[in-house]
Amino acid sequence: MTTTTTARAGRGWVRFAAILLIVAGVMQFLDGLWAIRTQDTAVGALFLNNNLEAWGWLFLIVGIGLVVTGYFIFQRAAWAFGVGIFVGCIGAVLNIFWIFSYPPASVLMITLNLLVVYALTTYGVDDLQY
């Protein structure tokens, strides 16, 4: 007697969303470290009214949050799917503001954010155990 197992539909999409959130979190974390480190240089004086440290801490915290969210999406935590959808929507909307300055990068980021939202809404929360 043979036993067959079927792979859950969309499992690859959910993994894609989790990996993308983790990668984005690591990038935000590194940006935050850079901003905190360069706060007293000429670069810090050029940006954000000489308050680069505050933005650095914000990016650091957001990066940690994204990495944690991606990890818990791998663990199939229901709250992480909601946070991932929220972050994907906010990321897509915020990248619209950059579309006239950096069109290819902006369109790429909007597309990736919307793919995360698609993956988490289509394949994410339907089969979770509550």
Protein backbone atom coordinates (compact mmCIF):
# COMPACT_ATOMS: atom_id res chain seq x y z
CA MET A 1 0.00 0.00 0.00
CA THR A 2 1.45 3.33 -1.04
CA THR A 3 0.71 6.63 0.56
CA THR A 4 0.66 9.74 -1.51
CA THR A 5 1.01 13.22 -0.19
CA THR A 6 -0.04 16.26 -2.09
CA ALA A 7 1.85 19.50 -1.91
CA ARG A 8 -0.12 22.45 -0.67
CA ALA A 9 -1.05 24.75 -3.53
CA GLY A 10 0.86 28.01 -3.49
CA ARG A 11 3.49 26.87 -1.01
CA GLY A 12 6.18 28.36 -3.24
CA TRP A 13 4.41 31.72 -3.36
CA VAL A 14 4.26 31.90 0.42
CA ARG A 15 7.96 31.05 0.64
CA PHE A 16 8.68 33.72 -1.96
CA ALA A 17 6.82 36.31 0.11
CA ALA A 18 8.63 35.30 3.30
CA ILE A 19 12.05 35.39 1.63
CA LEU A 20 11.31 38.76 0.05
CA LEU A 21 10.26 40.21 3.42
CA ILE A 22 13.40 38.87 5.08
CA VAL A 23 15.66 40.26 2.34
CA ALA A 24 13.90 43.64 2.54
CA GLY A 25 14.29 43.58 6.32
CA VAL A 26 18.01 42.90 6.13
CA MET A 27 18.41 45.74 3.61
CA GLN A 28 16.46 48.13 5.86
CA PHE A 29 18.53 47.03 8.86
CA LEU A 30 21.79 47.71 7.00
CA ASP A 31 20.48 51.08 5.81
CA GLY A 32 19.67 51.93 9.42
CA LEU A 33 23.15 50.96 10.58
CA TRP A 34 24.66 53.09 7.82
CA ALA A 35 22.51 56.08 8.76
CA ILE A 36 23.39 55.81 12.45
CA ARG A 37 27.09 55.45 11.63
CA THR A 38 27.24 58.45 9.25
CA GLN A 39 25.25 60.87 11.40
CA ASP A 40 28.19 63.18 12.12
CA THR A 41 29.61 63.35 8.61
CA ALA A 42 28.95 65.64 5.67
CA VAL A 43 26.36 63.17 4.40
CA GLY A 44 24.43 63.54 7.66
CA ALA A 45 24.42 67.32 7.28
CA LEU A 46 22.94 67.11 3.79
CA PHE A 47 19.95 64.94 4.62
CA LEU A 48 16.84 65.36 6.71
CA ASN A 49 17.73 68.52 8.64
CA ASN A 50 20.81 66.88 10.17
CA ASN A 51 18.64 64.23 11.84
CA LEU A 52 19.95 61.18 10.06
CA GLU A 53 20.23 59.27 13.34
CA ALA A 54 16.45 59.31 13.90
CA TRP A 55 15.83 57.94 10.42
CA GLY A 56 18.55 55.36 11.01
CA TRP A 57 16.82 54.07 14.13
CA LEU A 58 13.49 53.98 12.28
CA PHE A 59 15.00 51.91 9.44
CA LEU A 60 16.69 49.66 11.99
CA ILE A 61 13.43 48.93 13.80
CA VAL A 62 11.46 48.45 10.57
CA GLY A 63 14.16 46.06 9.30
CA ILE A 64 13.98 43.95 12.44
CA GLY A 65 10.19 43.89 12.13
CA LEU A 66 10.34 42.72 8.52
CA VAL A 67 12.80 39.93 9.31
CA VAL A 68 10.64 38.75 12.23
CA THR A 69 7.50 38.88 10.05
CA GLY A 70 9.18 36.85 7.29
CA TYR A 71 10.36 34.28 9.82
CA PHE A 72 6.87 33.87 11.27
CA ILE A 73 5.37 33.54 7.79
CA PHE A 74 7.63 30.51 7.41
CA GLN A 75 6.17 29.30 10.73
CA ARG A 76 2.62 29.91 9.34
CA ALA A 77 1.60 32.37 12.08
CA ALA A 78 -1.72 33.99 11.20
CA TRP A 79 -0.75 37.46 12.45
CA ALA A 80 2.36 37.46 10.26
CA PHE A 81 0.25 37.10 7.12
CA GLY A 82 -1.74 40.20 8.09
CA VAL A 83 1.40 42.19 8.82
CA GLY A 84 2.96 41.04 5.54
CA ILE A 85 -0.09 42.13 3.57
CA PHE A 86 -0.08 45.51 5.33
CA VAL A 87 3.63 46.05 4.71
CA GLY A 88 3.27 45.05 1.05
CA CYS A 89 0.44 47.52 0.50
CA ILE A 90 2.27 50.36 2.25
CA GLY A 91 5.46 49.60 0.30
CA ALA A 92 3.63 49.67 -3.02
CA VAL A 93 1.94 52.99 -2.23
CA LEU A 94 5.12 54.65 -0.96
CA ASN A 95 7.07 53.61 -4.04
CA ILE A 96 4.59 55.45 -6.24
CA PHE A 97 6.13 58.70 -4.95
CA TRP A 98 9.51 57.72 -6.44
CA ILE A 99 8.17 56.83 -9.88
CA PHE A 100 9.20 60.13 -11.53
CA SER A 101 12.68 60.13 -9.98
CA TYR A 102 13.60 56.45 -10.41
CA PRO A 103 11.06 54.86 -12.81
CA PRO A 104 12.59 51.38 -13.32
CA ALA A 105 13.43 50.86 -9.65
CA SER A 106 10.07 52.19 -8.55
CA VAL A 107 8.12 49.96 -10.91
CA LEU A 108 10.19 46.96 -9.80
CA MET A 109 9.54 47.67 -6.11
CA ILE A 110 5.82 48.22 -6.71
CA THR A 111 5.65 44.92 -8.60
CA LEU A 112 7.52 42.99 -5.90
CA ASN A 113 5.35 44.47 -3.15
CA LEU A 114 2.19 43.56 -5.04
CA LEU A 115 3.50 40.02 -5.59
CA VAL A 116 3.97 39.69 -1.82
CA VAL A 117 0.40 40.88 -1.28
CA TYR A 118 -0.85 38.45 -3.95
CA ALA A 119 1.03 35.52 -2.44
CA LEU A 120 -0.17 36.17 1.09
CA THR A 121 -3.78 36.90 0.21
CA THR A 122 -4.23 34.10 -2.31
CA TYR A 123 -2.28 31.28 -0.70
CA GLY A 124 -1.64 32.46 2.83
CA VAL A 125 -4.43 32.28 5.32
CA ASP A 126 -7.04 29.90 3.91
CA ASP A 127 -5.59 26.68 5.27
CA LEU A 128 -4.29 27.87 8.63
CA GLN A 129 -5.49 26.10 11.75
CA TYR A 130 -7.13 28.49 14.21
